Amino acid sequence: MKREKIMLKTINDVKSFVNTVAKYDFDVDLLSGRYAVDAKSIMGIFSLDLSKEIEMEIHSDDCADFLNEIKPFIIR
């Protein structure tokens, strides 16, 4: 399992992020405060406070390609 912090600033960011996550077989969760949603659910993501950074939990150890694709959203 791997954790990263991400920021989704626009509706297009959310759509692009969900489309990218949907291509992979492993589960990805987004955590914001006490809420956790499936990263493949666009409705779930819109229920989060997108003005703040979101913690992403990737349930796979083989996720280098995925992390490379979503690099624009990762906060370092």
N, C-alpha and C. Protein backbone atom coordinates (compact mmCIF):
# COMPACT_ATOMS: atom_id res chain seq x y z
N MET A 1 0.85 -1.18 0.00
CA MET A 1 0.00 0.00 0.00
C MET A 1 0.89 1.24 0.00
N LYS A 2 0.46 2.26 -0.72
CA LYS A 2 1.21 3.50 -0.82
C LYS A 2 0.26 4.66 -0.60
N ARG A 3 0.78 5.71 0.01
CA ARG A 3 -0.02 6.92 0.25
C ARG A 3 0.64 8.14 -0.39
N GLU A 4 -0.18 8.98 -0.95
CA GLU A 4 0.27 10.25 -1.54
C GLU A 4 -0.79 11.30 -1.25
N LYS A 5 -0.38 12.55 -1.25
CA LYS A 5 -1.32 13.66 -1.12
C LYS A 5 -1.54 14.24 -2.51
N ILE A 6 -2.81 14.49 -2.84
CA ILE A 6 -3.14 15.05 -4.15
C ILE A 6 -4.03 16.27 -4.00
N MET A 7 -4.15 17.02 -5.09
CA MET A 7 -5.03 18.17 -5.15
C MET A 7 -5.76 18.13 -6.47
N LEU A 8 -7.09 18.19 -6.42
CA LEU A 8 -7.93 18.22 -7.62
C LEU A 8 -8.63 19.58 -7.64
N LYS A 9 -8.14 20.49 -8.48
CA LYS A 9 -8.58 21.88 -8.43
C LYS A 9 -9.80 22.20 -9.29
N THR A 10 -9.97 21.45 -10.38
CA THR A 10 -11.07 21.77 -11.30
C THR A 10 -11.90 20.52 -11.61
N ILE A 11 -13.04 20.75 -12.22
CA ILE A 11 -13.88 19.63 -12.65
C ILE A 11 -13.13 18.76 -13.66
N ASN A 12 -12.38 19.39 -14.55
CA ASN A 12 -11.61 18.62 -15.53
C ASN A 12 -10.52 17.79 -14.86
N ASP A 13 -9.92 18.30 -13.78
CA ASP A 13 -8.94 17.52 -13.01
C ASP A 13 -9.59 16.26 -12.46
N VAL A 14 -10.79 16.41 -11.91
CA VAL A 14 -11.50 15.26 -11.33
C VAL A 14 -11.81 14.24 -12.43
N LYS A 15 -12.32 14.69 -13.57
CA LYS A 15 -12.65 13.77 -14.66
C LYS A 15 -11.41 13.05 -15.17
N SER A 16 -10.33 13.76 -15.35
CA SER A 16 -9.09 13.17 -15.82
C SER A 16 -8.54 12.16 -14.80
N PHE A 17 -8.60 12.52 -13.53
CA PHE A 17 -8.12 11.64 -12.47
C PHE A 17 -8.94 10.34 -12.43
N VAL A 18 -10.26 10.45 -12.46
CA VAL A 18 -11.13 9.27 -12.41
C VAL A 18 -10.91 8.38 -13.63
N ASN A 19 -10.76 8.97 -14.81
CA ASN A 19 -10.49 8.18 -16.01
C ASN A 19 -9.17 7.43 -15.91
N THR A 20 -8.17 8.05 -15.31
CA THR A 20 -6.88 7.40 -15.14
C THR A 20 -6.98 6.25 -14.13
N VAL A 21 -7.61 6.50 -12.99
CA VAL A 21 -7.74 5.47 -11.95
C VAL A 21 -8.53 4.28 -12.48
N ALA A 22 -9.54 4.53 -13.28
CA ALA A 22 -10.41 3.46 -13.79
C ALA A 22 -9.67 2.47 -14.68
N LYS A 23 -8.53 2.86 -15.24
CA LYS A 23 -7.75 1.98 -16.11
C LYS A 23 -7.01 0.89 -15.34
N TYR A 24 -6.92 1.04 -14.02
CA TYR A 24 -6.13 0.10 -13.22
C TYR A 24 -7.03 -0.82 -12.40
N ASP A 25 -6.54 -2.05 -12.18
CA ASP A 25 -7.33 -3.06 -11.48
C ASP A 25 -7.33 -2.92 -9.97
N PHE A 26 -6.31 -2.29 -9.41
CA PHE A 26 -6.23 -2.20 -7.95
C PHE A 26 -7.14 -1.09 -7.42
N ASP A 27 -7.43 -1.16 -6.12
CA ASP A 27 -8.30 -0.18 -5.47
C ASP A 27 -7.50 1.05 -5.06
N VAL A 28 -8.15 2.20 -5.19
CA VAL A 28 -7.57 3.47 -4.75
C VAL A 28 -8.66 4.18 -3.96
N ASP A 29 -8.34 4.60 -2.75
CA ASP A 29 -9.27 5.34 -1.91
C ASP A 29 -8.78 6.76 -1.72
N LEU A 30 -9.71 7.68 -1.55
CA LEU A 30 -9.39 9.06 -1.23
C LEU A 30 -9.92 9.36 0.16
N LEU A 31 -9.08 9.96 0.99
CA LEU A 31 -9.43 10.25 2.37
C LEU A 31 -9.36 11.75 2.61
N SER A 32 -10.43 12.28 3.17
CA SER A 32 -10.49 13.70 3.50
C SER A 32 -11.21 13.83 4.83
N GLY A 33 -10.46 14.19 5.86
CA GLY A 33 -11.05 14.24 7.19
C GLY A 33 -11.47 12.84 7.61
N ARG A 34 -12.72 12.69 7.97
CA ARG A 34 -13.20 11.36 8.37
C ARG A 34 -13.89 10.61 7.24
N TYR A 35 -13.87 11.17 6.04
CA TYR A 35 -14.52 10.54 4.89
C TYR A 35 -13.52 9.79 4.03
N ALA A 36 -13.95 8.64 3.53
CA ALA A 36 -13.16 7.85 2.58
C ALA A 36 -14.07 7.48 1.42
N VAL A 37 -13.60 7.71 0.20
CA VAL A 37 -14.40 7.38 -0.98
C VAL A 37 -13.54 6.61 -1.98
N ASP A 38 -14.20 5.86 -2.83
CA ASP A 38 -13.54 5.14 -3.91
C ASP A 38 -13.10 6.16 -4.96
N ALA A 39 -11.82 6.12 -5.34
CA ALA A 39 -11.29 7.09 -6.31
C ALA A 39 -11.85 6.87 -7.71
N LYS A 40 -12.54 5.76 -7.95
CA LYS A 40 -13.14 5.50 -9.25
C LYS A 40 -14.57 6.06 -9.33
N SER A 41 -15.03 6.67 -8.23
CA SER A 41 -16.38 7.22 -8.17
C SER A 41 -16.34 8.74 -8.28
N ILE A 42 -16.77 9.25 -9.41
CA ILE A 42 -16.76 10.70 -9.61
C ILE A 42 -17.71 11.39 -8.63
N MET A 43 -18.84 10.75 -8.34
CA MET A 43 -19.78 11.33 -7.36
C MET A 43 -19.17 11.33 -5.97
N GLY A 44 -18.46 10.28 -5.63
CA GLY A 44 -17.80 10.21 -4.34
C GLY A 44 -16.77 11.32 -4.17
N ILE A 45 -15.99 11.56 -5.22
CA ILE A 45 -14.97 12.61 -5.16
C ILE A 45 -15.61 13.97 -4.99
N PHE A 46 -16.71 14.22 -5.68
CA PHE A 46 -17.38 15.52 -5.55
C PHE A 46 -18.03 15.71 -4.18
N SER A 47 -18.13 14.65 -3.39
CA SER A 47 -18.66 14.80 -2.04
C SER A 47 -17.58 15.26 -1.06
N LEU A 48 -16.32 15.27 -1.51
CA LEU A 48 -15.21 15.70 -0.66
C LEU A 48 -15.00 17.20 -0.77
N ASP A 49 -14.28 17.76 0.18
CA ASP A 49 -13.90 19.17 0.14
C ASP A 49 -12.69 19.31 -0.77
N LEU A 50 -12.90 19.71 -2.01
CA LEU A 50 -11.83 19.78 -3.00
C LEU A 50 -10.97 21.03 -2.86
N SER A 51 -11.29 21.90 -1.91
CA SER A 51 -10.45 23.08 -1.68
C SER A 51 -9.23 22.73 -0.82
N LYS A 52 -9.21 21.52 -0.28
CA LYS A 52 -8.10 21.07 0.56
C LYS A 52 -7.41 19.89 -0.12
N GLU A 53 -6.18 19.63 0.32
CA GLU A 53 -5.48 18.46 -0.21
C GLU A 53 -6.17 17.19 0.27
N ILE A 54 -6.07 16.15 -0.54
CA ILE A 54 -6.73 14.88 -0.27
C ILE A 54 -5.66 13.80 -0.17
N GLU A 55 -5.81 12.92 0.80
CA GLU A 55 -4.87 11.81 0.92
C GLU A 55 -5.36 10.65 0.06
N MET A 56 -4.47 10.12 -0.75
CA MET A 56 -4.80 9.01 -1.63
C MET A 56 -4.11 7.76 -1.10
N GLU A 57 -4.86 6.68 -1.02
CA GLU A 57 -4.34 5.40 -0.53
C GLU A 57 -4.45 4.40 -1.68
N ILE A 58 -3.30 3.92 -2.14
CA ILE A 58 -3.25 2.98 -3.26
C ILE A 58 -3.04 1.58 -2.70
N HIS A 59 -3.93 0.67 -3.01
CA HIS A 59 -3.87 -0.69 -2.48
C HIS A 59 -3.14 -1.62 -3.45
N SER A 60 -1.89 -1.26 -3.73
CA SER A 60 -1.03 -2.06 -4.61
C SER A 60 0.41 -1.62 -4.38
N ASP A 61 1.32 -2.57 -4.52
CA ASP A 61 2.74 -2.22 -4.43
C ASP A 61 3.33 -1.98 -5.82
N ASP A 62 2.62 -2.41 -6.85
CA ASP A 62 3.07 -2.26 -8.23
C ASP A 62 2.28 -1.13 -8.89
N CYS A 63 2.58 0.10 -8.48
CA CYS A 63 1.77 1.23 -8.96
C CYS A 63 2.61 2.35 -9.57
N ALA A 64 3.83 2.05 -9.99
CA ALA A 64 4.72 3.08 -10.54
C ALA A 64 4.13 3.74 -11.79
N ASP A 65 3.54 2.95 -12.69
CA ASP A 65 2.95 3.52 -13.91
C ASP A 65 1.78 4.45 -13.56
N PHE A 66 0.96 4.01 -12.61
CA PHE A 66 -0.17 4.81 -12.16
C PHE A 66 0.31 6.14 -11.57
N LEU A 67 1.30 6.08 -10.70
CA LEU A 67 1.82 7.29 -10.07
C LEU A 67 2.41 8.24 -11.10
N ASN A 68 3.01 7.68 -12.13
CA ASN A 68 3.57 8.51 -13.20
C ASN A 68 2.46 9.23 -13.96
N GLU A 69 1.34 8.55 -14.19
CA GLU A 69 0.22 9.15 -14.92
C GLU A 69 -0.47 10.27 -14.15
N ILE A 70 -0.52 10.13 -12.82
CA ILE A 70 -1.23 11.14 -12.03
C ILE A 70 -0.28 12.15 -11.39
N LYS A 71 0.94 12.18 -11.84
CA LYS A 71 1.96 13.09 -11.30
C LYS A 71 1.50 14.55 -11.22
N PRO A 72 0.74 15.06 -12.19
CA PRO A 72 0.31 16.48 -12.09
C PRO A 72 -0.56 16.77 -10.86
N PHE A 73 -1.19 15.77 -10.28
CA PHE A 73 -2.08 15.98 -9.15
C PHE A 73 -1.40 15.78 -7.81
N ILE A 74 -0.20 15.19 -7.80
CA ILE A 74 0.49 14.88 -6.54
C ILE A 74 1.15 16.13 -5.98
N ILE A 75 0.99 16.29 -4.67
CA ILE A 75 1.60 17.40 -3.95
C ILE A 75 2.84 16.88 -3.26
N ARG A 76 3.94 17.53 -3.44
CA ARG A 76 5.20 17.12 -2.76
C ARG A 76 5.56 18.10 -1.69
